[in-house]
């Protein structure tokens, strides 16, 4: 198939999208992305035209097309050995773009949930728009981002936490990334990131900044075979569960979707202003997270102005709680916070992070 795909075979798909978008199908989307993942099957101008047309036609916001694109991207990701021995895996990730520049709560919550018994395959990258992305935090914590995929089953057996650095698992993105930077506006790839986890987690918590994307992502997750998920949106426009106010949740269970609203009160913790959970540099955030995991006092220089350690801990607890519910470790948010707190205070979360760090540094 790859030999038959060329810039010439891409042209009819581009023409159809640009001149008769209503007839552009999921199969067309699949075919277009099969061109995109192969350097010899497109030109830079064609990718730019395709991404622009997807935005103008709003097809990039339709779940069927997002799922079709994600399926192609996952099929071309680096192969991961079967993870049958470690049970169903889960992930917690935000789509980004909320502009709030807050602490790395998803990555921190993933580690805490792993310490509480969930098996977490966290998929992420360096920061695109905030001060510190998930990969930036882990690098500052001394973790390796170059763990061979073949080692993941043994790492997860010991740590229950593993980080899958997107750049290592999606070689097809290498030639697309410069074009995205040149275009300068958000594209469908901003939506695809949370759905491209090569470990194919069966349980997920996904945050969206825009309310209209919530049902789109629920349907896309369902199409991709995710068994249980929560799509969450803090009413401040946050792509996480909010530490301050209400959060809308769309929960996917057994193919059905329940919609409801929660606040920190529902988790049994107090509310904290967003100003108390702002991000610092990757180094700041790493030192704050280490202080939380070890119940120590961080250096004054590591605490950005207005940030409170107690607020960060509570925020991590409520997001870890959601992941524990989705992963089946607990049945409600209150139990999730209790178990997440035990993970931190019993040093299981620290042990999970240390085991992952050790495994990576032994490669």
Protein backbone atom coordinates (compact mmCIF):
# COMPACT_ATOMS: atom_id res chain seq x y z
CA UNK A 1 0.00 0.00 0.00
CA UNK A 2 2.76 2.45 0.92
CA UNK A 3 4.32 2.24 -2.55
CA UNK A 4 1.03 3.26 -4.18
CA UNK A 5 0.59 6.38 -2.07
CA UNK A 6 2.12 9.51 -3.59
CA UNK A 7 1.42 13.23 -3.69
CA UNK A 8 -0.54 12.57 -6.89
CA UNK A 9 -2.89 10.13 -5.12
CA UNK A 10 -3.35 12.69 -2.32
CA UNK A 11 -4.63 15.34 -4.73
CA UNK A 12 -8.16 13.88 -5.27
CA UNK A 13 -8.70 13.71 -1.51
CA UNK A 14 -7.65 17.33 -1.10
CA UNK A 15 -9.88 18.45 -3.94
CA UNK A 16 -12.86 16.60 -2.48
CA UNK A 17 -12.33 18.13 0.95
CA UNK A 18 -11.93 21.65 -0.46
CA UNK A 19 -14.77 21.61 -2.99
CA UNK A 20 -17.32 19.09 -1.65
CA UNK A 21 -16.67 18.66 2.07
CA UNK A 22 -20.14 17.25 2.68
CA UNK A 23 -19.14 14.14 0.73
CA UNK A 24 -15.80 13.70 2.50
CA UNK A 25 -16.11 10.45 4.47
CA UNK A 26 -14.38 8.66 7.35
CA UNK A 27 -12.72 6.42 4.78
CA UNK A 28 -11.42 9.52 3.02
CA UNK A 29 -10.04 10.73 6.34
CA UNK A 30 -8.30 7.41 6.87
CA UNK A 31 -6.81 7.55 3.37
CA UNK A 32 -5.64 11.13 3.90
CA UNK A 33 -3.85 10.25 7.13
CA UNK A 34 -2.23 7.24 5.47
CA UNK A 35 -0.66 9.83 3.15
CA UNK A 36 0.31 12.10 6.04
CA UNK A 37 2.23 9.41 7.95
CA UNK A 38 4.42 8.65 4.91
CA UNK A 39 6.97 11.33 3.98
CA UNK A 40 7.00 10.27 0.32
CA UNK A 41 3.21 10.42 0.00
CA UNK A 42 2.66 14.16 0.44
CA UNK A 43 4.24 17.56 0.02
CA UNK A 44 4.48 20.24 2.69
CA UNK A 45 1.96 22.36 0.78
CA UNK A 46 -0.51 19.47 0.72
CA UNK A 47 -0.36 18.96 4.49
CA UNK A 48 -0.83 22.69 5.07
CA UNK A 49 -3.80 22.74 2.70
CA UNK A 50 -5.32 19.65 4.29
CA UNK A 51 -5.04 20.93 7.86
CA UNK A 52 -6.42 24.32 6.86
CA UNK A 53 -9.37 22.79 5.03
CA UNK A 54 -10.18 20.54 7.99
CA UNK A 55 -10.36 23.61 10.21
CA UNK A 56 -12.45 25.73 7.83
CA UNK A 57 -14.92 22.89 7.23
CA UNK A 58 -14.97 22.05 10.98
CA UNK A 59 -14.51 18.39 10.15
CA UNK A 60 -11.60 18.39 12.61
CA UNK A 61 -14.18 18.68 15.41
CA UNK A 62 -16.27 15.65 14.41
CA UNK A 63 -15.71 12.53 16.48
CA UNK A 64 -15.82 10.06 13.58
CA UNK A 65 -13.05 11.92 11.76
CA UNK A 66 -10.96 12.37 14.91
CA UNK A 67 -11.28 8.65 15.66
CA UNK A 68 -10.35 7.71 12.09
CA UNK A 69 -7.24 9.89 12.22
CA UNK A 70 -6.26 8.58 15.67
CA UNK A 71 -6.64 4.99 14.48
CA UNK A 72 -4.16 5.59 11.66
CA UNK A 73 -1.69 7.38 13.92
CA UNK A 74 -1.84 4.58 16.50
CA UNK A 75 -1.40 1.92 13.82
CA UNK A 76 1.84 3.59 12.75
CA UNK A 77 3.18 4.08 16.28
CA UNK A 78 6.11 2.07 17.60
CA UNK A 79 4.92 -1.40 18.59
CA UNK A 80 4.51 -2.17 22.29
CA UNK A 81 4.62 -5.78 23.50
CA UNK A 82 1.40 -7.20 24.94
CA UNK A 83 0.69 -5.83 28.40
CA UNK A 84 -1.66 -8.68 29.33
CA UNK A 85 0.23 -9.51 32.49
CA UNK A 86 -0.28 -6.11 34.08
CA UNK A 87 -4.04 -5.78 33.65
CA UNK A 88 -5.98 -2.97 31.94
CA UNK A 89 -4.00 0.24 31.73
CA UNK A 90 -5.24 3.78 32.12
CA UNK A 91 -4.17 7.33 31.28
CA UNK A 92 -5.07 10.84 32.40
CA UNK A 93 -4.42 13.68 29.99
CA UNK A 94 -5.64 17.13 29.01
CA UNK A 95 -6.03 18.37 25.47
CA UNK A 96 -4.25 21.61 26.41
CA UNK A 97 -5.08 25.06 25.19
CA UNK A 98 -6.84 26.32 28.31
CA UNK A 99 -4.23 29.09 28.67
CA UNK A 100 -4.26 28.83 32.48
CA UNK A 101 -0.62 27.65 32.84
CA UNK A 102 -1.11 25.48 35.91
CA UNK A 103 0.95 22.84 37.71
CA UNK A 104 1.48 19.42 36.08
CA UNK A 105 -1.48 17.86 37.83
CA UNK A 106 -2.24 15.07 35.33
CA UNK A 107 1.28 13.63 35.47
CA UNK A 108 1.38 13.97 39.25
CA UNK A 109 -2.05 12.36 39.62
CA UNK A 110 -0.92 9.51 37.36
CA UNK A 111 2.00 8.72 39.67
CA UNK A 112 -0.22 8.88 42.76
CA UNK A 113 -2.83 6.62 41.15
CA UNK A 114 -0.09 4.14 40.27
CA UNK A 115 0.99 4.13 43.90
CA UNK A 116 -2.63 3.36 44.79
CA UNK A 117 -2.77 0.29 42.52
CA UNK A 118 -3.78 1.54 39.07
CA UNK A 119 -1.58 0.59 36.10
CA UNK A 120 -0.84 3.85 34.32
CA UNK A 121 0.68 4.27 30.86
CA UNK A 122 1.00 8.05 30.73
CA UNK A 123 1.39 9.41 27.22
CA UNK A 124 2.74 12.93 26.82
CA UNK A 125 5.21 15.38 25.39
CA UNK A 126 7.13 18.52 26.11
CA UNK A 127 5.20 21.71 26.66
CA UNK A 128 3.68 23.40 23.64
CA UNK A 129 2.11 26.42 25.34
CA UNK A 130 2.60 26.15 29.12
CA UNK A 131 5.64 26.57 31.35
CA UNK A 132 6.03 22.84 31.97
CA UNK A 133 4.78 19.82 30.03
CA UNK A 134 4.61 16.26 31.31
CA UNK A 135 7.93 15.30 29.72
CA UNK A 136 9.57 18.46 31.10
CA UNK A 137 8.45 17.56 34.63
CA UNK A 138 9.70 13.98 34.43
CA UNK A 139 13.05 15.04 33.02
CA UNK A 140 13.43 17.45 35.94
CA UNK A 141 12.61 14.56 38.28
CA UNK A 142 15.56 12.66 36.81
CA UNK A 143 13.53 10.19 34.74
CA UNK A 144 14.61 8.85 31.36
CA UNK A 145 12.36 9.36 28.35
CA UNK A 146 14.16 6.76 26.23
CA UNK A 147 12.91 3.48 27.68
CA UNK A 148 12.69 0.74 25.00
CA UNK A 149 9.10 -0.41 24.43
CA UNK A 150 10.13 -4.03 25.03
CA UNK A 151 10.89 -3.16 28.65
CA UNK A 152 7.46 -1.68 29.41
CA UNK A 153 5.81 -4.90 30.69
CA UNK A 154 8.52 -5.48 33.29
CA UNK A 155 8.57 -1.81 34.30
CA UNK A 156 4.81 -1.77 34.80
CA UNK A 157 4.99 -4.95 36.85
CA UNK A 158 7.37 -3.21 39.26
CA UNK A 159 6.29 0.42 39.17
CA UNK A 160 2.72 0.39 37.78
CA UNK A 161 3.70 3.73 36.21
CA UNK A 162 5.34 4.24 32.83
CA UNK A 163 5.69 7.33 30.67
CA UNK A 164 5.44 7.02 26.90
CA UNK A 165 7.20 10.01 25.36
CA UNK A 166 5.20 10.85 22.25
CA UNK A 167 8.22 11.72 20.10
CA UNK A 168 9.68 8.24 20.64
CA UNK A 169 6.48 6.43 19.67
CA UNK A 170 5.22 8.45 16.71
CA UNK A 171 8.05 8.76 14.15
CA UNK A 172 5.49 9.87 11.57
CA UNK A 173 5.11 13.14 13.47
CA UNK A 174 8.72 14.18 12.87
CA UNK A 175 8.04 15.67 9.44
CA UNK A 176 4.65 17.12 10.44
CA UNK A 177 5.81 19.06 13.51
CA UNK A 178 7.74 21.79 11.61
CA UNK A 179 4.73 22.37 9.36
CA UNK A 180 2.43 22.75 12.36
CA UNK A 181 4.77 25.35 13.81
CA UNK A 182 4.86 27.26 10.52
CA UNK A 183 1.06 27.23 10.20
CA UNK A 184 0.74 28.77 13.65
CA UNK A 185 -2.88 27.84 14.43
CA UNK A 186 -4.29 24.83 16.33
CA UNK A 187 -5.03 21.84 14.08
CA UNK A 188 -6.61 18.42 14.43
CA UNK A 189 -3.30 17.22 15.89
CA UNK A 190 -4.11 19.19 19.05
CA UNK A 191 -7.12 16.90 19.48
CA UNK A 192 -5.31 13.73 18.53
CA UNK A 193 -2.62 13.85 21.20
CA UNK A 194 -4.74 12.34 24.01
CA UNK A 195 -6.04 9.63 21.66
CA UNK A 196 -2.69 8.47 20.25
CA UNK A 197 -1.45 6.56 23.28
CA UNK A 198 0.27 3.51 21.70
CA UNK A 199 -0.51 1.41 24.80
CA UNK A 200 -4.20 1.77 23.93
CA UNK A 201 -5.40 2.22 27.53
CA UNK A 202 -8.85 0.83 28.22
CA UNK A 203 -9.61 3.45 30.88
CA UNK A 204 -9.05 7.20 30.50
CA UNK A 205 -9.64 10.61 32.05
CA UNK A 206 -9.47 13.28 29.33
CA UNK A 207 -9.73 17.00 29.98
CA UNK A 208 -11.10 19.50 27.44
CA UNK A 209 -11.02 23.28 27.64
CA UNK A 210 -14.03 23.85 25.38
CA UNK A 211 -17.41 22.49 26.41
CA UNK A 212 -18.48 21.75 22.83
CA UNK A 213 -15.63 19.25 22.53
CA UNK A 214 -16.77 17.11 25.47
CA UNK A 215 -19.33 14.97 23.64
CA UNK A 216 -17.01 14.81 20.64
CA UNK A 217 -14.28 13.25 22.76
CA UNK A 218 -16.65 10.88 24.53
CA UNK A 219 -17.80 9.54 21.19
CA UNK A 220 -14.24 9.36 19.83
CA UNK A 221 -13.11 7.39 22.90
CA UNK A 222 -16.03 5.04 22.45
CA UNK A 223 -15.16 4.50 18.79
CA UNK A 224 -11.56 3.73 19.76
CA UNK A 225 -12.66 0.97 22.10
CA UNK A 226 -12.10 2.68 25.45
CA UNK A 227 -14.18 0.79 28.01
CA UNK A 228 -14.59 3.45 30.67
CA UNK A 229 -13.75 7.12 30.59
CA UNK A 230 -14.41 10.53 32.04
CA UNK A 231 -14.21 13.64 29.90
CA UNK A 232 -13.85 16.57 32.28
CA UNK A 233 -13.99 20.34 31.98
CA UNK A 234 -13.54 22.85 34.78
CA UNK A 235 -16.04 25.65 34.33
CA UNK A 236 -13.19 28.17 34.25
CA UNK A 237 -12.32 26.62 30.91
CA UNK A 238 -9.84 24.22 32.49
CA UNK A 239 -8.89 20.92 30.88
CA UNK A 240 -8.61 19.28 34.32
CA UNK A 241 -10.90 18.77 37.30
CA UNK A 242 -10.94 22.23 38.87
CA UNK A 243 -9.52 22.85 42.36
CA UNK A 244 -11.63 25.99 42.68
CA UNK A 245 -15.14 25.60 41.33
CA UNK A 246 -17.43 23.26 39.45
CA UNK A 247 -16.32 20.67 36.93
CA UNK A 248 -18.57 19.13 34.31
CA UNK A 249 -18.05 15.41 33.76
CA UNK A 250 -19.21 13.20 30.90
CA UNK A 251 -18.68 9.63 32.09
CA UNK A 252 -18.63 6.70 29.67
CA UNK A 253 -19.59 3.38 31.28
CA UNK A 254 -20.65 0.26 29.34
CA UNK A 255 -21.36 2.32 26.23
CA UNK A 256 -23.64 4.77 28.04
CA UNK A 257 -22.80 8.38 28.93
CA UNK A 258 -23.78 10.07 32.20
CA UNK A 259 -23.38 13.83 32.56
CA UNK A 260 -23.05 15.50 35.94
CA UNK A 261 -21.28 18.30 37.79
CA UNK A 262 -18.93 18.08 40.76
CA UNK A 263 -16.95 20.45 42.96
CA UNK A 264 -14.04 19.89 45.36
CA UNK A 265 -16.69 19.33 48.06
CA UNK A 266 -17.76 16.11 46.33
CA UNK A 267 -14.22 14.81 46.80
CA UNK A 268 -14.04 15.77 50.45
CA UNK A 269 -11.42 18.50 50.03
CA UNK A 270 -11.62 22.25 50.26
CA UNK A 271 -11.72 24.62 47.32
CA UNK A 272 -8.57 26.45 46.25
CA UNK A 273 -8.21 29.45 43.89
CA UNK A 274 -6.49 28.77 40.59
CA UNK A 275 -3.78 31.23 41.61
CA UNK A 276 -2.61 28.73 44.25
CA UNK A 277 -1.89 26.00 41.67
CA UNK A 278 -0.01 28.00 39.05
CA UNK A 279 2.92 26.42 37.26
CA UNK A 280 6.51 27.31 37.86
CA UNK A 281 9.45 26.11 35.81
CA UNK A 282 9.84 22.35 35.30
CA UNK A 283 12.46 22.41 38.06
CA UNK A 284 10.13 24.29 40.42
CA UNK A 285 7.30 21.85 39.76
CA UNK A 286 9.56 18.82 40.19
CA UNK A 287 10.81 20.02 43.55
CA UNK A 288 7.28 20.81 44.72
CA UNK A 289 6.07 17.37 43.66
CA UNK A 290 9.00 15.68 45.42
CA UNK A 291 8.14 17.65 48.56
CA UNK A 292 4.52 16.46 48.39
CA UNK A 293 5.56 12.84 47.85
CA UNK A 294 8.01 12.86 50.75
CA UNK A 295 6.10 15.18 53.11
CA UNK A 296 9.08 17.54 53.18
CA UNK A 297 9.33 21.32 52.98
CA UNK A 298 10.43 22.68 49.61
CA UNK A 299 12.89 25.52 49.22
CA UNK A 300 11.24 28.93 49.31
CA UNK A 301 12.79 29.62 45.90
CA UNK A 302 10.85 26.68 44.40
CA UNK A 303 7.44 28.10 45.30
CA UNK A 304 6.03 30.52 42.69
CA UNK A 305 4.32 33.56 44.14
CA UNK A 306 0.86 32.70 45.45
CA UNK A 307 1.24 28.93 45.05
CA UNK A 308 0.34 26.79 48.07
CA UNK A 309 1.63 23.27 48.69
CA UNK A 310 -1.63 22.22 50.39
CA UNK A 311 -3.61 23.39 47.36
CA UNK A 312 -1.37 21.43 44.99
CA UNK A 313 -1.76 18.29 47.07
CA UNK A 314 -5.56 18.57 47.20
CA UNK A 315 -5.68 19.18 43.46
CA UNK A 316 -3.55 16.12 42.79
CA UNK A 317 -5.79 14.09 45.08
CA UNK A 318 -9.02 14.91 43.28
CA UNK A 319 -7.59 14.21 39.82
CA UNK A 320 -5.98 10.98 41.02
CA UNK A 321 -9.35 10.06 42.54
CA UNK A 322 -11.06 10.33 39.15
CA UNK A 323 -8.43 8.06 37.61
CA UNK A 324 -8.86 5.54 40.43
CA UNK A 325 -12.63 5.49 39.84
CA UNK A 326 -12.20 5.00 36.08
CA UNK A 327 -9.58 2.30 36.58
CA UNK A 328 -11.88 0.38 38.93
CA UNK A 329 -9.73 0.73 42.05
CA UNK A 330 -12.55 2.50 43.95
CA UNK A 331 -16.25 3.06 43.44
CA UNK A 332 -16.60 6.77 44.25
CA UNK A 333 -14.64 10.01 44.48
CA UNK A 334 -14.49 10.04 48.28
CA UNK A 335 -12.91 6.60 48.36
CA UNK A 336 -10.56 7.72 45.59
CA UNK A 337 -9.25 10.65 47.62
CA UNK A 338 -8.73 8.42 50.67
CA UNK A 339 -6.77 5.90 48.59
CA UNK A 340 -4.79 8.62 46.81
CA UNK A 341 -3.92 10.22 50.14
CA UNK A 342 -2.75 6.86 51.46
CA UNK A 343 -0.62 6.47 48.33
CA UNK A 344 1.15 9.75 49.10
CA UNK A 345 1.39 9.50 52.88
CA UNK A 346 2.32 5.81 52.82
CA UNK A 347 5.08 6.64 50.28
CA UNK A 348 3.67 4.21 47.67
CA UNK A 349 3.48 7.05 45.13
CA UNK A 350 7.11 7.93 45.78
CA UNK A 351 8.03 4.26 45.41
CA UNK A 352 6.22 4.07 42.05
CA UNK A 353 8.08 7.12 40.75
CA UNK A 354 11.41 5.88 42.11
CA UNK A 355 10.91 2.47 40.48
CA UNK A 356 10.18 4.06 37.11
CA UNK A 357 13.16 6.38 37.46
CA UNK A 358 15.47 3.49 38.38
CA UNK A 359 14.26 1.32 35.50
CA UNK A 360 14.82 4.09 33.00
CA UNK A 361 18.27 4.95 34.26
CA UNK A 362 19.35 1.30 34.08
CA UNK A 363 18.76 1.14 30.31
